Amino acid sequence: MKPDLSEILQNLRSIEEDMDVPRNIRAKVKGTIELLTTDGEMELKIDKSLETLGEVADDPTVPQHTRMVVWSLVSQLETQK
């Protein structure tokens, strides 16, 4: 069963609102939210989102708990394709 996109967006919003997450990471997450909620071909939006979230997960300044959430979201987005 595919995870609901609204659930993915909710988790992204919680990262965006987390003040323990560096500002540059929150900005990337906000961009991902905006991308996923705009009109366009879903597969392309998911591919770009996966690329951005991969960069976020690899950033050494990301708190470990956030990194785990990001990898979970990556997995969920991959099932949306």
Protein backbone atom coordinates (compact mmCIF):
# COMPACT_ATOMS: atom_id res chain seq x y z
CA MET A 1 0.00 0.00 0.00
CA LYS A 2 1.36 3.42 -0.98
CA PRO A 3 1.79 5.94 1.80
CA ASP A 4 -0.47 8.95 1.49
CA LEU A 5 1.27 12.03 0.06
CA SER A 6 -0.42 14.16 2.72
CA GLU A 7 1.33 12.07 5.41
CA ILE A 8 4.68 12.65 3.68
CA LEU A 9 3.98 16.38 3.49
CA GLN A 10 3.00 16.45 7.16
CA ASN A 11 6.34 14.87 8.13
CA LEU A 12 8.22 17.32 5.91
CA ARG A 13 6.39 20.21 7.59
CA SER A 14 7.38 18.92 11.03
CA ILE A 15 11.04 18.99 9.94
CA GLU A 16 10.59 22.50 8.51
CA GLU A 17 9.18 23.71 11.85
CA ASP A 18 11.85 22.01 14.00
CA MET A 19 14.15 24.73 15.34
CA ASP A 20 16.82 22.09 16.15
CA VAL A 21 17.28 21.61 12.38
CA PRO A 22 19.72 24.05 10.73
CA ARG A 23 18.12 26.86 8.73
CA ASN A 24 19.63 25.77 5.39
CA ILE A 25 18.15 22.29 5.83
CA ARG A 26 14.74 23.71 6.73
CA ALA A 27 14.92 25.84 3.57
CA LYS A 28 15.59 22.76 1.42
CA VAL A 29 12.71 20.92 3.07
CA LYS A 30 10.44 23.92 2.48
CA GLY A 31 11.43 23.88 -1.19
CA THR A 32 10.58 20.18 -1.36
CA ILE A 33 7.16 20.85 0.16
CA GLU A 34 6.50 23.62 -2.35
CA LEU A 35 7.63 21.40 -5.21
CA LEU A 36 5.38 18.51 -4.19
CA THR A 37 2.35 20.77 -3.80
CA THR A 38 2.63 22.53 -7.16
CA ASP A 39 1.07 21.43 -10.42
CA GLY A 40 3.13 19.24 -12.69
CA GLU A 41 4.07 15.68 -13.46
CA MET A 42 4.28 13.80 -10.18
CA GLU A 43 7.14 11.52 -11.22
CA LEU A 44 9.38 14.49 -12.05
CA LYS A 45 8.47 16.23 -8.79
CA ILE A 46 9.25 13.07 -6.83
CA ASP A 47 12.60 12.62 -8.60
CA LYS A 48 13.65 16.18 -7.75
CA SER A 49 12.40 15.76 -4.18
CA LEU A 50 14.38 12.56 -3.78
CA GLU A 51 17.51 14.32 -5.00
CA THR A 52 17.05 17.18 -2.53
CA LEU A 53 16.23 14.89 0.40
CA GLY A 54 19.30 12.79 -0.41
CA GLU A 55 21.41 15.96 -0.08
CA VAL A 56 19.69 16.74 3.22
CA ALA A 57 20.35 13.25 4.60
CA ASP A 58 24.02 13.47 3.64
CA ASP A 59 24.52 16.88 5.28
CA PRO A 60 26.69 16.45 8.39
CA THR A 61 24.81 19.20 10.26
CA VAL A 62 21.49 17.34 10.22
CA PRO A 63 20.51 15.95 13.64
CA GLN A 64 20.48 12.14 13.69
CA HIS A 65 16.75 11.88 14.48
CA THR A 66 15.97 14.13 11.51
CA ARG A 67 18.23 12.09 9.24
CA MET A 68 16.25 8.96 10.12
CA VAL A 69 12.96 10.72 9.32
CA VAL A 70 14.38 11.94 6.01
CA TRP A 71 15.46 8.43 4.99
CA SER A 72 11.99 7.16 5.90
CA LEU A 73 10.45 9.88 3.72
CA VAL A 74 12.79 8.98 0.87
CA SER A 75 11.58 5.40 1.10
CA GLN A 76 7.95 6.50 1.15
CA LEU A 77 8.43 8.81 -1.84
CA GLU A 78 10.07 6.02 -3.84
CA THR A 79 6.90 3.96 -3.46
CA GLN A 80 4.87 6.87 -4.92
CA LYS A 81 6.52 6.46 -8.33
